[in-house]
Amino acid sequence: MIKLAYVIFEVKSEDIGKIKQLTKDDIVSRQSILTRDSNSLNLKGEFSYVKIEGSDNGLKRAQELAKELELKKLDKKKAQAINEKIEEQEDSAASGMGMIFD
């Protein structure tokens, strides 16, 4: 399985509307986009995390827009930790769906 590159942005609760601005861009919208709030990931703080996974061009555009919107790009270590929590959630949801169809 090929792992796509990704970037994760931390968005303050009061800036939640900026997520829509980021994701409505033509290039960014063609990438895989996941949004999770800090509570759902069992993290402290009032944040949302936006994971954008896809092509180099798509990630570059997302980073340009995020900078304009003053969204915080997570460093590699924190992004990896958040991504692991997101993947755990996704795996948990997938296994739950499997039980329904067994």
C-alpha atoms as a PDB file:
ATOM      1  CA  MET A   1       0.000   0.000   0.000  1.00  0.00           C
ATOM      2  CA  ILE A   2       1.371   3.401  -0.988  1.00  0.00           C
ATOM      3  CA  LYS A   3       1.346   6.018   1.757  1.00  0.00           C
ATOM      4  CA  LEU A   4       0.395   9.430   0.473  1.00  0.00           C
ATOM      5  CA  ALA A   5       2.058  12.532   1.822  1.00  0.00           C
ATOM      6  CA  TYR A   6       0.002  14.620   4.212  1.00  0.00           C
ATOM      7  CA  VAL A   7      -0.013  17.843   6.191  1.00  0.00           C
ATOM      8  CA  ILE A   8      -2.029  18.659   9.313  1.00  0.00           C
ATOM      9  CA  PHE A   9      -3.176  22.100  10.400  1.00  0.00           C
ATOM     10  CA  GLU A  10      -4.350  23.097  13.865  1.00  0.00           C
ATOM     11  CA  VAL A  11      -7.296  25.499  13.762  1.00  0.00           C
ATOM     12  CA  LYS A  12      -8.553  27.426  16.789  1.00  0.00           C
ATOM     13  CA  SER A  13     -12.272  27.089  17.472  1.00  0.00           C
ATOM     14  CA  GLU A  14     -12.887  30.756  16.694  1.00  0.00           C
ATOM     15  CA  ASP A  15     -11.225  30.288  13.272  1.00  0.00           C
ATOM     16  CA  ILE A  16     -13.323  27.269  12.280  1.00  0.00           C
ATOM     17  CA  GLY A  17     -14.757  29.138   9.271  1.00  0.00           C
ATOM     18  CA  LYS A  18     -11.272  29.259   7.760  1.00  0.00           C
ATOM     19  CA  ILE A  19     -11.411  25.502   7.190  1.00  0.00           C
ATOM     20  CA  LYS A  20     -14.116  26.007   4.575  1.00  0.00           C
ATOM     21  CA  GLN A  21     -12.019  28.718   2.899  1.00  0.00           C
ATOM     22  CA  LEU A  22      -9.066  26.331   2.783  1.00  0.00           C
ATOM     23  CA  THR A  23     -10.977  23.335   1.474  1.00  0.00           C
ATOM     24  CA  LYS A  24     -13.052  25.118  -1.166  1.00  0.00           C
ATOM     25  CA  ASP A  25      -9.947  25.847  -3.248  1.00  0.00           C
ATOM     26  CA  ASP A  26     -10.049  23.886  -6.529  1.00  0.00           C
ATOM     27  CA  ILE A  27      -6.685  22.152  -6.065  1.00  0.00           C
ATOM     28  CA  VAL A  28      -7.046  21.535  -2.319  1.00  0.00           C
ATOM     29  CA  SER A  29     -10.589  20.174  -2.684  1.00  0.00           C
ATOM     30  CA  ARG A  30      -9.269  17.362  -4.901  1.00  0.00           C
ATOM     31  CA  GLN A  31      -7.156  16.013  -2.037  1.00  0.00           C
ATOM     32  CA  SER A  32      -8.313  13.711   0.745  1.00  0.00           C
ATOM     33  CA  ILE A  33      -9.487  15.954   3.608  1.00  0.00           C
ATOM     34  CA  LEU A  34     -10.320  14.878   7.168  1.00  0.00           C
ATOM     35  CA  THR A  35     -11.339  17.186   9.989  1.00  0.00           C
ATOM     36  CA  ARG A  36     -11.415  16.188  13.650  1.00  0.00           C
ATOM     37  CA  ASP A  37     -11.874  18.252  16.780  1.00  0.00           C
ATOM     38  CA  SER A  38      -9.517  17.908  19.718  1.00  0.00           C
ATOM     39  CA  ASN A  39     -12.237  16.419  21.958  1.00  0.00           C
ATOM     40  CA  SER A  40     -12.914  13.549  19.566  1.00  0.00           C
ATOM     41  CA  LEU A  41      -9.188  12.728  19.627  1.00  0.00           C
ATOM     42  CA  ASN A  42      -9.067  12.932  23.452  1.00  0.00           C
ATOM     43  CA  LEU A  43      -6.791  15.982  23.336  1.00  0.00           C
ATOM     44  CA  LYS A  44      -6.879  19.102  25.474  1.00  0.00           C
ATOM     45  CA  GLY A  45      -7.750  22.476  24.002  1.00  0.00           C
ATOM     46  CA  GLU A  46     -10.388  23.873  21.712  1.00  0.00           C
ATOM     47  CA  PHE A  47      -8.962  23.043  18.310  1.00  0.00           C
ATOM     48  CA  SER A  48      -9.874  21.335  15.102  1.00  0.00           C
ATOM     49  CA  TYR A  49      -7.302  19.435  13.099  1.00  0.00           C
ATOM     50  CA  VAL A  50      -7.434  19.370   9.319  1.00  0.00           C
ATOM     51  CA  LYS A  51      -5.505  16.575   7.633  1.00  0.00           C
ATOM     52  CA  ILE A  52      -4.928  17.014   3.929  1.00  0.00           C
ATOM     53  CA  GLU A  53      -3.455  14.022   2.157  1.00  0.00           C
ATOM     54  CA  GLY A  54      -2.581  13.905  -1.510  1.00  0.00           C
ATOM     55  CA  SER A  55      -0.277  15.090  -4.251  1.00  0.00           C
ATOM     56  CA  ASP A  56       2.749  17.311  -3.716  1.00  0.00           C
ATOM     57  CA  ASN A  57       1.021  20.037  -5.722  1.00  0.00           C
ATOM     58  CA  GLY A  58      -2.122  19.767  -3.601  1.00  0.00           C
ATOM     59  CA  LEU A  59      -0.196  19.907  -0.338  1.00  0.00           C
ATOM     60  CA  LYS A  60       1.874  22.855  -1.544  1.00  0.00           C
ATOM     61  CA  ARG A  61      -1.310  24.764  -2.420  1.00  0.00           C
ATOM     62  CA  ALA A  62      -2.886  23.891   0.942  1.00  0.00           C
ATOM     63  CA  GLN A  63       0.182  25.190   2.768  1.00  0.00           C
ATOM     64  CA  GLU A  64       0.151  28.431   0.771  1.00  0.00           C
ATOM     65  CA  LEU A  65      -3.510  29.021   1.577  1.00  0.00           C
ATOM     66  CA  ALA A  66      -3.083  28.046   5.221  1.00  0.00           C
ATOM     67  CA  LYS A  67      -0.308  30.588   5.561  1.00  0.00           C
ATOM     68  CA  GLU A  68      -2.552  33.307   4.082  1.00  0.00           C
ATOM     69  CA  LEU A  69      -5.345  32.254   6.465  1.00  0.00           C
ATOM     70  CA  GLU A  70      -2.899  32.157   9.393  1.00  0.00           C
ATOM     71  CA  LEU A  71      -3.539  28.494  10.165  1.00  0.00           C
ATOM     72  CA  LYS A  72      -0.848  26.658  12.106  1.00  0.00           C
ATOM     73  CA  LYS A  73       0.889  23.807  10.290  1.00  0.00           C
ATOM     74  CA  LEU A  74       1.945  21.142  12.781  1.00  0.00           C
ATOM     75  CA  ASP A  75       5.573  20.105  12.928  1.00  0.00           C
ATOM     76  CA  LYS A  76       6.389  16.586  11.777  1.00  0.00           C
ATOM     77  CA  LYS A  77       6.415  15.042  15.288  1.00  0.00           C
ATOM     78  CA  LYS A  78       3.048  16.487  16.392  1.00  0.00           C
ATOM     79  CA  ALA A  79       1.492  15.828  12.972  1.00  0.00           C
ATOM     80  CA  GLN A  80       2.552  12.182  13.236  1.00  0.00           C
ATOM     81  CA  ALA A  81       0.992  11.887  16.713  1.00  0.00           C
ATOM     82  CA  ILE A  82      -2.300  13.449  15.538  1.00  0.00           C
ATOM     83  CA  ASN A  83      -2.289  11.275  12.423  1.00  0.00           C
ATOM     84  CA  GLU A  84      -1.903   8.129  14.544  1.00  0.00           C
ATOM     85  CA  LYS A  85      -4.947   9.156  16.615  1.00  0.00           C
ATOM     86  CA  ILE A  86      -6.959   9.819  13.436  1.00  0.00           C
ATOM     87  CA  GLU A  87      -5.942   6.443  11.980  1.00  0.00           C
ATOM     88  CA  GLU A  88      -6.887   4.677  15.233  1.00  0.00           C
ATOM     89  CA  GLN A  89     -10.338   6.283  14.977  1.00  0.00           C
ATOM     90  CA  GLU A  90     -10.665   5.296  11.326  1.00  0.00           C
ATOM     91  CA  ASP A  91      -9.605   1.696  12.068  1.00  0.00           C
ATOM     92  CA  SER A  92     -12.017   1.512  14.985  1.00  0.00           C
ATOM     93  CA  ALA A  93     -14.881   2.777  12.830  1.00  0.00           C
ATOM     94  CA  ALA A  94     -13.978   0.340  10.039  1.00  0.00           C
ATOM     95  CA  SER A  95     -13.930  -2.624  12.407  1.00  0.00           C
ATOM     96  CA  GLY A  96     -17.283  -1.530  13.796  1.00  0.00           C
ATOM     97  CA  MET A  97     -18.721  -1.544  10.301  1.00  0.00           C
ATOM     98  CA  GLY A  98     -17.305  -5.024   9.757  1.00  0.00           C
ATOM     99  CA  MET A  99     -19.297  -6.310  12.710  1.00  0.00           C
ATOM    100  CA  ILE A 100     -22.505  -5.023  11.162  1.00  0.00           C
ATOM    101  CA  PHE A 101     -21.912  -7.048   8.006  1.00  0.00           C
ATOM    102  CA  ASP A 102     -20.674 -10.253   9.649  1.00  0.00           C
END
